[in-house]
């Protein structure tokens, strides 16, 4: 039971990381120091997508699932959980590249809004 809960917790943490990497720039409206965590998260998320690397959370989840004989997966978290919902077909290098660009654009927009807000607040 512990391993199943731990594996599920890893999935939740993984998903929250993705949300943070995509939209975490908006948290700068709340606390500016978040930038020191957010920028590396964005870089990591984009590099995972562009290089086709496997996030370390994926093998951790697989290990935890093996402990209770649950099914594991070999592909990345995004391929396994998110792409079946977003894209009906497999993840191609072109799609990974586009997703990375979208993450960068979303964050440039977020940071632009934050900077604009700070500039006009003073």
PDB file of N, CA and C in Angstrom:
ATOM      1  N   UNK A   1       0.820  -1.195   0.000  1.00  0.00           N
ATOM      2  CA  UNK A   1       0.000   0.000   0.000  1.00  0.00           C
ATOM      3  C   UNK A   1       0.863   1.258   0.000  1.00  0.00           C
ATOM      4  N   UNK A   2       1.940   1.259   0.806  1.00  0.00           N
ATOM      5  CA  UNK A   2       2.814   2.422   0.864  1.00  0.00           C
ATOM      6  C   UNK A   2       3.410   2.726  -0.499  1.00  0.00           C
ATOM      7  N   UNK A   3       3.878   1.694  -1.208  1.00  0.00           N
ATOM      8  CA  UNK A   3       4.532   1.913  -2.491  1.00  0.00           C
ATOM      9  C   UNK A   3       3.554   2.461  -3.530  1.00  0.00           C
ATOM     10  N   UNK A   4       2.323   1.984  -3.498  1.00  0.00           N
ATOM     11  CA  UNK A   4       1.323   2.500  -4.436  1.00  0.00           C
ATOM     12  C   UNK A   4       1.050   3.972  -4.158  1.00  0.00           C
ATOM     13  N   UNK A   5       0.881   4.326  -2.896  1.00  0.00           N
ATOM     14  CA  UNK A   5       0.668   5.732  -2.534  1.00  0.00           C
ATOM     15  C   UNK A   5       1.875   6.576  -2.896  1.00  0.00           C
ATOM     16  N   UNK A   6       3.066   6.045  -2.681  1.00  0.00           N
ATOM     17  CA  UNK A   6       4.286   6.787  -3.021  1.00  0.00           C
ATOM     18  C   UNK A   6       4.383   6.993  -4.530  1.00  0.00           C
ATOM     19  N   UNK A   7       4.048   5.960  -5.316  1.00  0.00           N
ATOM     20  CA  UNK A   7       4.071   6.091  -6.778  1.00  0.00           C
ATOM     21  C   UNK A   7       3.051   7.130  -7.238  1.00  0.00           C
ATOM     22  N   UNK A   8       1.874   7.104  -6.653  1.00  0.00           N
ATOM     23  CA  UNK A   8       0.860   8.097  -6.997  1.00  0.00           C
ATOM     24  C   UNK A   8       1.311   9.502  -6.600  1.00  0.00           C
ATOM     25  N   UNK A   9       1.993   9.622  -5.478  1.00  0.00           N
ATOM     26  CA  UNK A   9       2.513  10.922  -5.052  1.00  0.00           C
ATOM     27  C   UNK A   9       3.550  11.441  -6.038  1.00  0.00           C
ATOM     28  N   UNK A  10       4.385  10.545  -6.559  1.00  0.00           N
ATOM     29  CA  UNK A  10       5.378  10.944  -7.555  1.00  0.00           C
ATOM     30  C   UNK A  10       4.687  11.471  -8.811  1.00  0.00           C
ATOM     31  N   UNK A  11       3.604  10.823  -9.228  1.00  0.00           N
ATOM     32  CA  UNK A  11       2.858  11.300 -10.398  1.00  0.00           C
ATOM     33  C   UNK A  11       2.307  12.695 -10.141  1.00  0.00           C
ATOM     34  N   UNK A  12       1.756  12.916  -8.964  1.00  0.00           N
ATOM     35  CA  UNK A  12       1.210  14.236  -8.629  1.00  0.00           C
ATOM     36  C   UNK A  12       2.322  15.285  -8.619  1.00  0.00           C
ATOM     37  N   UNK A  13       3.451  14.965  -8.003  1.00  0.00           N
ATOM     38  CA  UNK A  13       4.585  15.889  -7.973  1.00  0.00           C
ATOM     39  C   UNK A  13       5.065  16.182  -9.384  1.00  0.00           C
ATOM     40  N   UNK A  14       5.124  15.163 -10.219  1.00  0.00           N
ATOM     41  CA  UNK A  14       5.555  15.309 -11.612  1.00  0.00           C
ATOM     42  C   UNK A  14       4.620  16.268 -12.348  1.00  0.00           C
ATOM     43  N   UNK A  15       3.337  16.060 -12.184  1.00  0.00           N
ATOM     44  CA  UNK A  15       2.345  16.905 -12.847  1.00  0.00           C
ATOM     45  C   UNK A  15       2.431  18.345 -12.340  1.00  0.00           C
ATOM     46  N   UNK A  16       2.592  18.523 -11.033  1.00  0.00           N
ATOM     47  CA  UNK A  16       2.725  19.865 -10.467  1.00  0.00           C
ATOM     48  C   UNK A  16       3.991  20.561 -10.970  1.00  0.00           C
ATOM     49  N   UNK A  17       5.055  19.794 -11.156  1.00  0.00           N
ATOM     50  CA  UNK A  17       6.285  20.371 -11.713  1.00  0.00           C
ATOM     51  C   UNK A  17       6.029  20.900 -13.117  1.00  0.00           C
ATOM     52  N   UNK A  18       5.306  20.134 -13.919  1.00  0.00           N
ATOM     53  CA  UNK A  18       5.014  20.566 -15.283  1.00  0.00           C
ATOM     54  C   UNK A  18       4.191  21.851 -15.264  1.00  0.00           C
ATOM     55  N   UNK A  19       3.195  21.901 -14.405  1.00  0.00           N
ATOM     56  CA  UNK A  19       2.382  23.117 -14.286  1.00  0.00           C
ATOM     57  C   UNK A  19       3.263  24.286 -13.843  1.00  0.00           C
ATOM     58  N   UNK A  20       4.148  24.051 -12.877  1.00  0.00           N
ATOM     59  CA  UNK A  20       5.054  25.099 -12.411  1.00  0.00           C
ATOM     60  C   UNK A  20       5.956  25.577 -13.540  1.00  0.00           C
ATOM     61  N   UNK A  21       6.497  24.652 -14.331  1.00  0.00           N
ATOM     62  CA  UNK A  21       7.387  25.037 -15.426  1.00  0.00           C
ATOM     63  C   UNK A  21       6.653  25.854 -16.480  1.00  0.00           C
ATOM     64  N   UNK A  22       5.403  25.518 -16.744  1.00  0.00           N
ATOM     65  CA  UNK A  22       4.647  26.220 -17.784  1.00  0.00           C
ATOM     66  C   UNK A  22       4.094  27.547 -17.279  1.00  0.00           C
ATOM     67  N   UNK A  23       3.519  27.584 -16.098  1.00  0.00           N
ATOM     68  CA  UNK A  23       2.793  28.769 -15.634  1.00  0.00           C
ATOM     69  C   UNK A  23       3.352  29.384 -14.359  1.00  0.00           C
ATOM     70  N   UNK A  24       4.443  28.869 -13.848  1.00  0.00           N
ATOM     71  CA  UNK A  24       4.985  29.360 -12.589  1.00  0.00           C
ATOM     72  C   UNK A  24       5.464  30.790 -12.622  1.00  0.00           C
ATOM     73  N   UNK A  25       5.703  31.321 -13.809  1.00  0.00           N
ATOM     74  CA  UNK A  25       6.108  32.715 -13.906  1.00  0.00           C
ATOM     75  C   UNK A  25       5.071  33.658 -13.319  1.00  0.00           C
ATOM     76  N   UNK A  26       3.833  33.246 -13.328  1.00  0.00           N
ATOM     77  CA  UNK A  26       2.773  34.075 -12.753  1.00  0.00           C
ATOM     78  C   UNK A  26       2.907  34.189 -11.238  1.00  0.00           C
ATOM     79  N   UNK A  27       3.589  33.240 -10.616  1.00  0.00           N
ATOM     80  CA  UNK A  27       3.796  33.307  -9.170  1.00  0.00           C
ATOM     81  C   UNK A  27       4.696  34.480  -8.776  1.00  0.00           C
ATOM     82  N   UNK A  28       5.398  35.059  -9.751  1.00  0.00           N
ATOM     83  CA  UNK A  28       6.247  36.213  -9.452  1.00  0.00           C
ATOM     84  C   UNK A  28       5.426  37.422  -9.030  1.00  0.00           C
ATOM     85  N   UNK A  29       4.155  37.440  -9.384  1.00  0.00           N
ATOM     86  CA  UNK A  29       3.278  38.502  -8.882  1.00  0.00           C
ATOM     87  C   UNK A  29       3.174  38.422  -7.351  1.00  0.00           C
ATOM     88  N   UNK A  30       3.300  37.211  -6.846  1.00  0.00           N
ATOM     89  CA  UNK A  30       3.159  36.951  -5.416  1.00  0.00           C
ATOM     90  C   UNK A  30       4.494  37.111  -4.691  1.00  0.00           C
ATOM     91  N   UNK A  31       5.522  36.408  -5.173  1.00  0.00           N
ATOM     92  CA  UNK A  31       6.851  36.444  -4.559  1.00  0.00           C
ATOM     93  C   UNK A  31       7.917  36.454  -5.655  1.00  0.00           C
ATOM     94  N   UNK A  32       8.723  37.490  -5.655  1.00  0.00           N
ATOM     95  CA  UNK A  32       9.750  37.619  -6.703  1.00  0.00           C
ATOM     96  C   UNK A  32      10.854  36.579  -6.590  1.00  0.00           C
ATOM     97  N   UNK A  33      11.160  36.092  -5.400  1.00  0.00           N
ATOM     98  CA  UNK A  33      12.247  35.138  -5.221  1.00  0.00           C
ATOM     99  C   UNK A  33      11.980  33.805  -5.903  1.00  0.00           C
ATOM    100  N   UNK A  34      10.757  33.560  -6.298  1.00  0.00           N
ATOM    101  CA  UNK A  34      10.417  32.299  -6.974  1.00  0.00           C
ATOM    102  C   UNK A  34      11.171  32.160  -8.299  1.00  0.00           C
ATOM    103  N   UNK A  35      11.586  33.292  -8.847  1.00  0.00           N
ATOM    104  CA  UNK A  35      12.328  33.268 -10.112  1.00  0.00           C
ATOM    105  C   UNK A  35      13.548  32.354 -10.022  1.00  0.00           C
ATOM    106  N   UNK A  36      14.180  32.256  -8.858  1.00  0.00           N
ATOM    107  CA  UNK A  36      15.379  31.434  -8.691  1.00  0.00           C
ATOM    108  C   UNK A  36      15.084  29.938  -8.787  1.00  0.00           C
ATOM    109  N   UNK A  37      13.846  29.561  -8.600  1.00  0.00           N
ATOM    110  CA  UNK A  37      13.431  28.166  -8.771  1.00  0.00           C
ATOM    111  C   UNK A  37      12.767  27.949 -10.125  1.00  0.00           C
ATOM    112  N   UNK A  38      12.076  28.978 -10.584  1.00  0.00           N
ATOM    113  CA  UNK A  38      11.295  28.831 -11.799  1.00  0.00           C
ATOM    114  C   UNK A  38      12.155  28.759 -13.058  1.00  0.00           C
ATOM    115  N   UNK A  39      13.135  29.631 -13.178  1.00  0.00           N
ATOM    116  CA  UNK A  39      13.972  29.627 -14.387  1.00  0.00           C
ATOM    117  C   UNK A  39      14.666  28.272 -14.583  1.00  0.00           C
ATOM    118  N   UNK A  40      15.299  27.695 -13.554  1.00  0.00           N
ATOM    119  CA  UNK A  40      15.879  26.360 -13.757  1.00  0.00           C
ATOM    120  C   UNK A  40      14.829  25.300 -14.108  1.00  0.00           C
ATOM    121  N   UNK A  41      13.632  25.417 -13.537  1.00  0.00           N
ATOM    122  CA  UNK A  41      12.573  24.450 -13.855  1.00  0.00           C
ATOM    123  C   UNK A  41      12.180  24.546 -15.323  1.00  0.00           C
ATOM    124  N   UNK A  42      12.087  25.761 -15.845  1.00  0.00           N
ATOM    125  CA  UNK A  42      11.753  25.955 -17.259  1.00  0.00           C
ATOM    126  C   UNK A  42      12.852  25.375 -18.137  1.00  0.00           C
ATOM    127  N   UNK A  43      14.093  25.685 -17.811  1.00  0.00           N
ATOM    128  CA  UNK A  43      15.214  25.159 -18.600  1.00  0.00           C
ATOM    129  C   UNK A  43      15.199  23.636 -18.593  1.00  0.00           C
ATOM    130  N   UNK A  44      14.999  23.042 -17.422  1.00  0.00           N
ATOM    131  CA  UNK A  44      14.967  21.578 -17.299  1.00  0.00           C
ATOM    132  C   UNK A  44      13.816  20.993 -18.135  1.00  0.00           C
ATOM    133  N   UNK A  45      12.633  21.573 -18.011  1.00  0.00           N
ATOM    134  CA  UNK A  45      11.467  21.055 -18.741  1.00  0.00           C
ATOM    135  C   UNK A  45      11.677  21.136 -20.245  1.00  0.00           C
ATOM    136  N   UNK A  46      12.209  22.243 -20.713  1.00  0.00           N
ATOM    137  CA  UNK A  46      12.437  22.405 -22.155  1.00  0.00           C
ATOM    138  C   UNK A  46      13.501  21.425 -22.634  1.00  0.00           C
ATOM    139  N   UNK A  47      14.581  21.277 -21.882  1.00  0.00           N
ATOM    140  CA  UNK A  47      15.650  20.354 -22.290  1.00  0.00           C
ATOM    141  C   UNK A  47      15.167  18.904 -22.296  1.00  0.00           C
ATOM    142  N   UNK A  48      14.349  18.528 -21.329  1.00  0.00           N
ATOM    143  CA  UNK A  48      13.780  17.171 -21.309  1.00  0.00           C
ATOM    144  C   UNK A  48      13.023  16.931 -22.612  1.00  0.00           C
ATOM    145  N   UNK A  49      12.205  17.907 -22.997  1.00  0.00           N
ATOM    146  CA  UNK A  49      11.425  17.762 -24.223  1.00  0.00           C
ATOM    147  C   UNK A  49      12.273  17.770 -25.472  1.00  0.00           C
ATOM    148  N   UNK A  50      13.180  18.714 -25.575  1.00  0.00           N
ATOM    149  CA  UNK A  50      13.974  18.860 -26.789  1.00  0.00           C
ATOM    150  C   UNK A  50      14.974  17.735 -26.974  1.00  0.00           C
ATOM    151  N   UNK A  51      15.542  17.259 -25.896  1.00  0.00           N
ATOM    152  CA  UNK A  51      16.548  16.198 -25.998  1.00  0.00           C
ATOM    153  C   UNK A  51      15.946  14.801 -25.924  1.00  0.00           C
ATOM    154  N   UNK A  52      14.679  14.702 -25.528  1.00  0.00           N
ATOM    155  CA  UNK A  52      14.057  13.392 -25.409  1.00  0.00           C
ATOM    156  C   UNK A  52      14.537  12.616 -24.195  1.00  0.00           C
ATOM    157  N   UNK A  53      15.055  13.327 -23.198  1.00  0.00           N
ATOM    158  CA  UNK A  53      15.524  12.678 -21.977  1.00  0.00           C
ATOM    159  C   UNK A  53      14.344  12.150 -21.177  1.00  0.00           C
ATOM    160  N   UNK A  54      14.632  11.245 -20.281  1.00  0.00           N
ATOM    161  CA  UNK A  54      13.624  10.740 -19.350  1.00  0.00           C
ATOM    162  C   UNK A  54      13.837  11.453 -18.019  1.00  0.00           C
ATOM    163  N   UNK A  55      12.789  12.011 -17.487  1.00  0.00           N
ATOM    164  CA  UNK A  55      12.872  12.697 -16.194  1.00  0.00           C
ATOM    165  C   UNK A  55      13.179  11.666 -15.106  1.00  0.00           C
ATOM    166  N   UNK A  56      14.006  12.007 -14.136  1.00  0.00           N
ATOM    167  CA  UNK A  56      14.329  11.065 -13.054  1.00  0.00           C
ATOM    168  C   UNK A  56      13.111  10.603 -12.255  1.00  0.00           C
ATOM    169  N   UNK A  57      12.031  11.350 -12.296  1.00  0.00           N
ATOM    170  CA  UNK A  57      10.838  10.919 -11.574  1.00  0.00           C
ATOM    171  C   UNK A  57      10.195   9.692 -12.223  1.00  0.00           C
ATOM    172  N   UNK A  58      10.393   9.520 -13.524  1.00  0.00           N
ATOM    173  CA  UNK A  58       9.797   8.381 -14.224  1.00  0.00           C
ATOM    174  C   UNK A  58      10.358   7.053 -13.722  1.00  0.00           C
ATOM    175  N   UNK A  59      11.690   6.866 -13.683  1.00  0.00           N
ATOM    176  CA  UNK A  59      12.207   5.611 -13.125  1.00  0.00           C
ATOM    177  C   UNK A  59      11.848   5.415 -11.651  1.00  0.00           C
ATOM    178  N   UNK A  60      11.778   6.512 -10.902  1.00  0.00           N
ATOM    179  CA  UNK A  60      11.380   6.400  -9.495  1.00  0.00           C
ATOM    180  C   UNK A  60       9.962   5.862  -9.380  1.00  0.00           C
ATOM    181  N   UNK A  61       9.063   6.407 -10.170  1.00  0.00           N
ATOM    182  CA  UNK A  61       7.690   5.905 -10.134  1.00  0.00           C
ATOM    183  C   UNK A  61       7.636   4.443 -10.559  1.00  0.00           C
ATOM    184  N   UNK A  62       8.356   4.094 -11.627  1.00  0.00           N
ATOM    185  CA  UNK A  62       8.379   2.698 -12.079  1.00  0.00           C
ATOM    186  C   UNK A  62       8.892   1.772 -10.978  1.00  0.00           C
ATOM    187  N   UNK A  63       9.944   2.191 -10.283  1.00  0.00           N
ATOM    188  CA  UNK A  63      10.492   1.372  -9.189  1.00  0.00           C
ATOM    189  C   UNK A  63       9.434   1.154  -8.107  1.00  0.00           C
ATOM    190  N   UNK A  64       8.759   2.225  -7.732  1.00  0.00           N
ATOM    191  CA  UNK A  64       7.730   2.104  -6.694  1.00  0.00           C
ATOM    192  C   UNK A  64       6.585   1.201  -7.147  1.00  0.00           C
ATOM    193  N   UNK A  65       6.200   1.299  -8.408  1.00  0.00           N
ATOM    194  CA  UNK A  65       5.115   0.450  -8.923  1.00  0.00           C
ATOM    195  C   UNK A  65       5.538  -1.018  -8.984  1.00  0.00           C
ATOM    196  N   UNK A  66       6.800  -1.269  -9.298  1.00  0.00           N
ATOM    197  CA  UNK A  66       7.289  -2.657  -9.330  1.00  0.00           C
ATOM    198  C   UNK A  66       7.231  -3.294  -7.948  1.00  0.00           C
ATOM    199  N   UNK A  67       7.389  -2.500  -6.909  1.00  0.00           N
ATOM    200  CA  UNK A  67       7.368  -3.030  -5.543  1.00  0.00           C
ATOM    201  C   UNK A  67       6.030  -3.670  -5.197  1.00  0.00           C
ATOM    202  N   UNK A  68       4.967  -3.253  -5.855  1.00  0.00           N
ATOM    203  CA  UNK A  68       3.641  -3.823  -5.596  1.00  0.00           C
ATOM    204  C   UNK A  68       3.053  -4.463  -6.852  1.00  0.00           C
ATOM    205  N   UNK A  69       3.933  -4.815  -7.780  1.00  0.00           N
ATOM    206  CA  UNK A  69       3.548  -5.484  -9.025  1.00  0.00           C
ATOM    207  C   UNK A  69       2.491  -4.700  -9.826  1.00  0.00           C
ATOM    208  N   UNK A  70       2.580  -3.390  -9.797  1.00  0.00           N
ATOM    209  CA  UNK A  70       1.706  -2.581 -10.646  1.00  0.00           C
ATOM    210  C   UNK A  70       2.385  -2.413 -11.996  1.00  0.00           C
ATOM    211  N   UNK A  71       1.617  -2.091 -12.995  1.00  0.00           N
ATOM    212  CA  UNK A  71       2.205  -1.931 -14.322  1.00  0.00           C
ATOM    213  C   UNK A  71       3.111  -0.705 -14.345  1.00  0.00           C
ATOM    214  N   UNK A  72       4.216  -0.835 -15.063  1.00  0.00           N
ATOM    215  CA  UNK A  72       5.154   0.271 -15.240  1.00  0.00           C
ATOM    216  C   UNK A  72       5.114   0.699 -16.693  1.00  0.00           C
ATOM    217  N   UNK A  73       5.868   1.718 -17.021  1.00  0.00           N
ATOM    218  CA  UNK A  73       5.939   2.169 -18.403  1.00  0.00           C
ATOM    219  C   UNK A  73       7.363   2.566 -18.720  1.00  0.00           C
ATOM    220  N   UNK A  74       7.706   2.502 -19.983  1.00  0.00           N
ATOM    221  CA  UNK A  74       9.070   2.794 -20.408  1.00  0.00           C
ATOM    222  C   UNK A  74       9.214   4.206 -20.959  1.00  0.00           C
ATOM    223  N   UNK A  75       8.133   4.767 -21.469  1.00  0.00           N
ATOM    224  CA  UNK A  75       8.212   6.092 -22.052  1.00  0.00           C
ATOM    225  C   UNK A  75       8.203   7.164 -20.968  1.00  0.00           C
ATOM    226  N   UNK A  76       8.332   8.400 -21.382  1.00  0.00           N
ATOM    227  CA  UNK A  76       8.370   9.491 -20.414  1.00  0.00           C
ATOM    228  C   UNK A  76       6.998   9.743 -19.807  1.00  0.00           C
ATOM    229  N   UNK A  77       6.994  10.518 -18.732  1.00  0.00           N
ATOM    230  CA  UNK A  77       5.751  10.890 -18.054  1.00  0.00           C
ATOM    231  C   UNK A  77       4.778  11.553 -19.033  1.00  0.00           C
ATOM    232  N   UNK A  78       5.282  12.481 -19.811  1.00  0.00           N
ATOM    233  CA  UNK A  78       4.423  13.212 -20.743  1.00  0.00           C
ATOM    234  C   UNK A  78       3.826  12.252 -21.762  1.00  0.00           C
ATOM    235  N   UNK A  79       4.658  11.385 -22.317  1.00  0.00           N
ATOM    236  CA  UNK A  79       4.155  10.423 -23.291  1.00  0.00           C
ATOM    237  C   UNK A  79       3.102   9.507 -22.679  1.00  0.00           C
ATOM    238  N   UNK A  80       3.322   9.089 -21.449  1.00  0.00           N
ATOM    239  CA  UNK A  80       2.431   8.122 -20.818  1.00  0.00           C
ATOM    240  C   UNK A  80       1.114   8.736 -20.338  1.00  0.00           C
ATOM    241  N   UNK A  81       1.183   9.896 -19.682  1.00  0.00           N
ATOM    242  CA  UNK A  81       0.000  10.466 -19.052  1.00  0.00           C
ATOM    243  C   UNK A  81      -0.655  11.600 -19.834  1.00  0.00           C
ATOM    244  N   UNK A  82       0.132  12.496 -20.389  1.00  0.00           N
ATOM    245  CA  UNK A  82      -0.445  13.700 -20.976  1.00  0.00           C
ATOM    246  C   UNK A  82      -0.707  13.592 -22.471  1.00  0.00           C
ATOM    247  N   UNK A  83       0.205  12.989 -23.208  1.00  0.00           N
ATOM    248  CA  UNK A  83       0.008  12.935 -24.649  1.00  0.00           C
ATOM    249  C   UNK A  83      -1.214  12.148 -25.093  1.00  0.00           C
ATOM    250  N   UNK A  84      -1.578  11.050 -24.452  1.00  0.00           N
ATOM    251  CA  UNK A  84      -2.806  10.380 -24.886  1.00  0.00           C
ATOM    252  C   UNK A  84      -4.039  11.282 -24.799  1.00  0.00           C
ATOM    253  N   UNK A  85      -3.982  12.253 -23.903  1.00  0.00           N
ATOM    254  CA  UNK A  85      -5.095  13.186 -23.776  1.00  0.00           C
ATOM    255  C   UNK A  85      -4.961  14.312 -24.795  1.00  0.00           C
ATOM    256  N   UNK A  86      -3.761  14.842 -24.945  1.00  0.00           N
ATOM    257  CA  UNK A  86      -3.541  15.999 -25.808  1.00  0.00           C
ATOM    258  C   UNK A  86      -3.415  15.600 -27.275  1.00  0.00           C
ATOM    259  N   UNK A  87      -2.655  14.562 -27.547  1.00  0.00           N
ATOM    260  CA  UNK A  87      -2.407  14.117 -28.920  1.00  0.00           C
ATOM    261  C   UNK A  87      -2.795  12.654 -29.063  1.00  0.00           C
ATOM    262  N   UNK A  88      -3.534  12.303 -30.088  1.00  0.00           N
ATOM    263  CA  UNK A  88      -3.891  10.898 -30.270  1.00  0.00           C
ATOM    264  C   UNK A  88      -2.725  10.037 -30.743  1.00  0.00           C
ATOM    265  N   UNK A  89      -1.764  10.619 -31.415  1.00  0.00           N
ATOM    266  CA  UNK A  89      -0.635   9.849 -31.950  1.00  0.00           C
ATOM    267  C   UNK A  89       0.569   9.950 -31.018  1.00  0.00           C
ATOM    268  N   UNK A  90       1.687   9.313 -31.408  1.00  0.00           N
ATOM    269  CA  UNK A  90       2.899   9.311 -30.606  1.00  0.00           C
ATOM    270  C   UNK A  90       3.600  10.657 -30.590  1.00  0.00           C
ATOM    271  N   UNK A  91       4.551  10.766 -29.696  1.00  0.00           N
ATOM    272  CA  UNK A  91       5.321  11.993 -29.533  1.00  0.00           C
ATOM    273  C   UNK A  91       6.496  11.988 -30.504  1.00  0.00           C
ATOM    274  N   UNK A  92       6.479  12.921 -31.432  1.00  0.00           N
ATOM    275  CA  UNK A  92       7.565  13.029 -32.402  1.00  0.00           C
ATOM    276  C   UNK A  92       8.540  14.108 -31.951  1.00  0.00           C
ATOM    277  N   UNK A  93       9.748  14.107 -32.483  1.00  0.00           N
ATOM    278  CA  UNK A  93      10.682  15.186 -32.138  1.00  0.00           C
ATOM    279  C   UNK A  93      10.131  16.572 -32.482  1.00  0.00           C
ATOM    280  N   UNK A  94       9.373  16.650 -33.550  1.00  0.00           N
ATOM    281  CA  UNK A  94       8.793  17.937 -33.938  1.00  0.00           C
ATOM    282  C   UNK A  94       7.794  18.430 -32.895  1.00  0.00           C
ATOM    283  N   UNK A  95       6.964  17.530 -32.394  1.00  0.00           N
ATOM    284  CA  UNK A  95       5.982  17.910 -31.375  1.00  0.00           C
ATOM    285  C   UNK A  95       6.699  18.305 -30.089  1.00  0.00           C
ATOM    286  N   UNK A  96       7.748  17.557 -29.725  1.00  0.00           N
ATOM    287  CA  UNK A  96       8.512  17.910 -28.521  1.00  0.00           C
ATOM    288  C   UNK A  96       9.117  19.299 -28.659  1.00  0.00           C
ATOM    289  N   UNK A  97       9.624  19.611 -29.849  1.00  0.00           N
ATOM    290  CA  UNK A  97      10.203  20.923 -30.087  1.00  0.00           C
ATOM    291  C   UNK A  97       9.139  22.010 -29.932  1.00  0.00           C
ATOM    292  N   UNK A  98       7.977  21.799 -30.540  1.00  0.00           N
ATOM    293  CA  UNK A  98       6.887  22.776 -30.453  1.00  0.00           C
ATOM    294  C   UNK A  98       6.452  22.963 -29.002  1.00  0.00           C
ATOM    295  N   UNK A  99       6.334  21.873 -28.251  1.00  0.00           N
ATOM    296  CA  UNK A  99       5.957  21.980 -26.842  1.00  0.00           C
ATOM    297  C   UNK A  99       6.990  22.799 -26.064  1.00  0.00           C
ATOM    298  N   UNK A 100       8.258  22.577 -26.340  1.00  0.00           N
ATOM    299  CA  UNK A 100       9.305  23.357 -25.689  1.00  0.00           C
ATOM    300  C   UNK A 100       9.202  24.834 -26.023  1.00  0.00           C
ATOM    301  N   UNK A 101       8.954  25.140 -27.288  1.00  0.00           N
ATOM    302  CA  UNK A 101       8.787  26.537 -27.694  1.00  0.00           C
ATOM    303  C   UNK A 101       7.570  27.144 -26.996  1.00  0.00           C
ATOM    304  N   UNK A 102       6.484  26.384 -26.895  1.00  0.00           N
ATOM    305  CA  UNK A 102       5.292  26.894 -26.211  1.00  0.00           C
ATOM    306  C   UNK A 102       5.556  27.188 -24.736  1.00  0.00           C
ATOM    307  N   UNK A 103       6.351  26.351 -24.089  1.00  0.00           N
ATOM    308  CA  UNK A 103       6.714  26.597 -22.692  1.00  0.00           C
ATOM    309  C   UNK A 103       7.512  27.900 -22.590  1.00  0.00           C
ATOM    310  N   UNK A 104       8.449  28.087 -23.504  1.00  0.00           N
ATOM    311  CA  UNK A 104       9.256  29.314 -23.493  1.00  0.00           C
ATOM    312  C   UNK A 104       8.374  30.535 -23.751  1.00  0.00           C
ATOM    313  N   UNK A 105       7.506  30.463 -24.744  1.00  0.00           N
ATOM    314  CA  UNK A 105       6.631  31.594 -25.063  1.00  0.00           C
ATOM    315  C   UNK A 105       5.699  31.912 -23.894  1.00  0.00           C
ATOM    316  N   UNK A 106       5.108  30.885 -23.303  1.00  0.00           N
ATOM    317  CA  UNK A 106       4.211  31.113 -22.155  1.00  0.00           C
ATOM    318  C   UNK A 106       4.948  31.824 -21.036  1.00  0.00           C
ATOM    319  N   UNK A 107       6.193  31.439 -20.802  1.00  0.00           N
ATOM    320  CA  UNK A 107       6.954  32.061 -19.726  1.00  0.00           C
ATOM    321  C   UNK A 107       7.438  33.456 -20.091  1.00  0.00           C
ATOM    322  N   UNK A 108       7.776  33.683 -21.337  1.00  0.00           N
ATOM    323  CA  UNK A 108       8.129  35.043 -21.748  1.00  0.00           C
ATOM    324  C   UNK A 108       6.934  35.976 -21.562  1.00  0.00           C
ATOM    325  N   UNK A 109       5.748  35.494 -21.882  1.00  0.00           N
ATOM    326  CA  UNK A 109       4.542  36.299 -21.668  1.00  0.00           C
ATOM    327  C   UNK A 109       4.312  36.560 -20.179  1.00  0.00           C
ATOM    328  N   UNK A 110       4.467  35.525 -19.369  1.00  0.00           N
ATOM    329  CA  UNK A 110       4.292  35.684 -17.919  1.00  0.00           C
ATOM    330  C   UNK A 110       5.282  36.685 -17.353  1.00  0.00           C
ATOM    331  N   UNK A 111       6.549  36.529 -17.712  1.00  0.00           N
ATOM    332  CA  UNK A 111       7.571  37.431 -17.198  1.00  0.00           C
ATOM    333  C   UNK A 111       7.346  38.849 -17.722  1.00  0.00           C
ATOM    334  N   UNK A 112       6.892  38.959 -18.946  1.00  0.00           N
ATOM    335  CA  UNK A 112       6.575  40.282 -19.491  1.00  0.00           C
ATOM    336  C   UNK A 112       5.460  40.959 -18.717  1.00  0.00           C
ATOM    337  N   UNK A 113       4.431  40.203 -18.382  1.00  0.00           N
ATOM    338  CA  UNK A 113       3.329  40.766 -17.596  1.00  0.00           C
ATOM    339  C   UNK A 113       3.802  41.188 -16.208  1.00  0.00           C
ATOM    340  N   UNK A 114       4.643  40.364 -15.601  1.00  0.00           N
ATOM    341  CA  UNK A 114       5.149  40.689 -14.267  1.00  0.00           C
ATOM    342  C   UNK A 114       6.010  41.950 -14.324  1.00  0.00           C
ATOM    343  N   UNK A 115       6.916  42.017 -15.295  1.00  0.00           N
ATOM    344  CA  UNK A 115       7.772  43.196 -15.417  1.00  0.00           C
ATOM    345  C   UNK A 115       6.954  44.445 -15.705  1.00  0.00           C
ATOM    346  N   UNK A 116       5.980  44.345 -16.570  1.00  0.00           N
ATOM    347  CA  UNK A 116       5.101  45.473 -16.877  1.00  0.00           C
ATOM    348  C   UNK A 116       4.370  45.936 -15.619  1.00  0.00           C
ATOM    349  N   UNK A 117       3.884  44.999 -14.847  1.00  0.00           N
ATOM    350  CA  UNK A 117       3.169  45.316 -13.608  1.00  0.00           C
ATOM    351  C   UNK A 117       4.083  46.016 -12.608  1.00  0.00           C
ATOM    352  N   UNK A 118       5.304  45.492 -12.447  1.00  0.00           N
ATOM    353  CA  UNK A 118       6.238  46.109 -11.514  1.00  0.00           C
ATOM    354  C   UNK A 118       6.617  47.508 -11.961  1.00  0.00           C
ATOM    355  N   UNK A 119       6.813  47.694 -13.255  1.00  0.00           N
ATOM    356  CA  UNK A 119       7.203  48.988 -13.797  1.00  0.00           C
ATOM    357  C   UNK A 119       6.110  50.030 -13.583  1.00  0.00           C
ATOM    358  N   UNK A 120       4.863  49.640 -13.771  1.00  0.00           N
ATOM    359  CA  UNK A 120       3.748  50.583 -13.668  1.00  0.00           C
ATOM    360  C   UNK A 120       3.188  50.714 -12.254  1.00  0.00           C
ATOM    361  N   UNK A 121       3.645  49.876 -11.356  1.00  0.00           N
ATOM    362  CA  UNK A 121       3.212  49.946  -9.964  1.00  0.00           C
ATOM    363  C   UNK A 121       3.936  51.079  -9.238  1.00  0.00           C
ATOM    364  N   UNK A 122       5.134  51.369  -9.666  1.00  0.00           N
ATOM    365  CA  UNK A 122       5.979  52.363  -8.974  1.00  0.00           C
ATOM    366  C   UNK A 122       5.616  53.744  -9.326  1.00  0.00           C
TER     367      UNK A 122
END
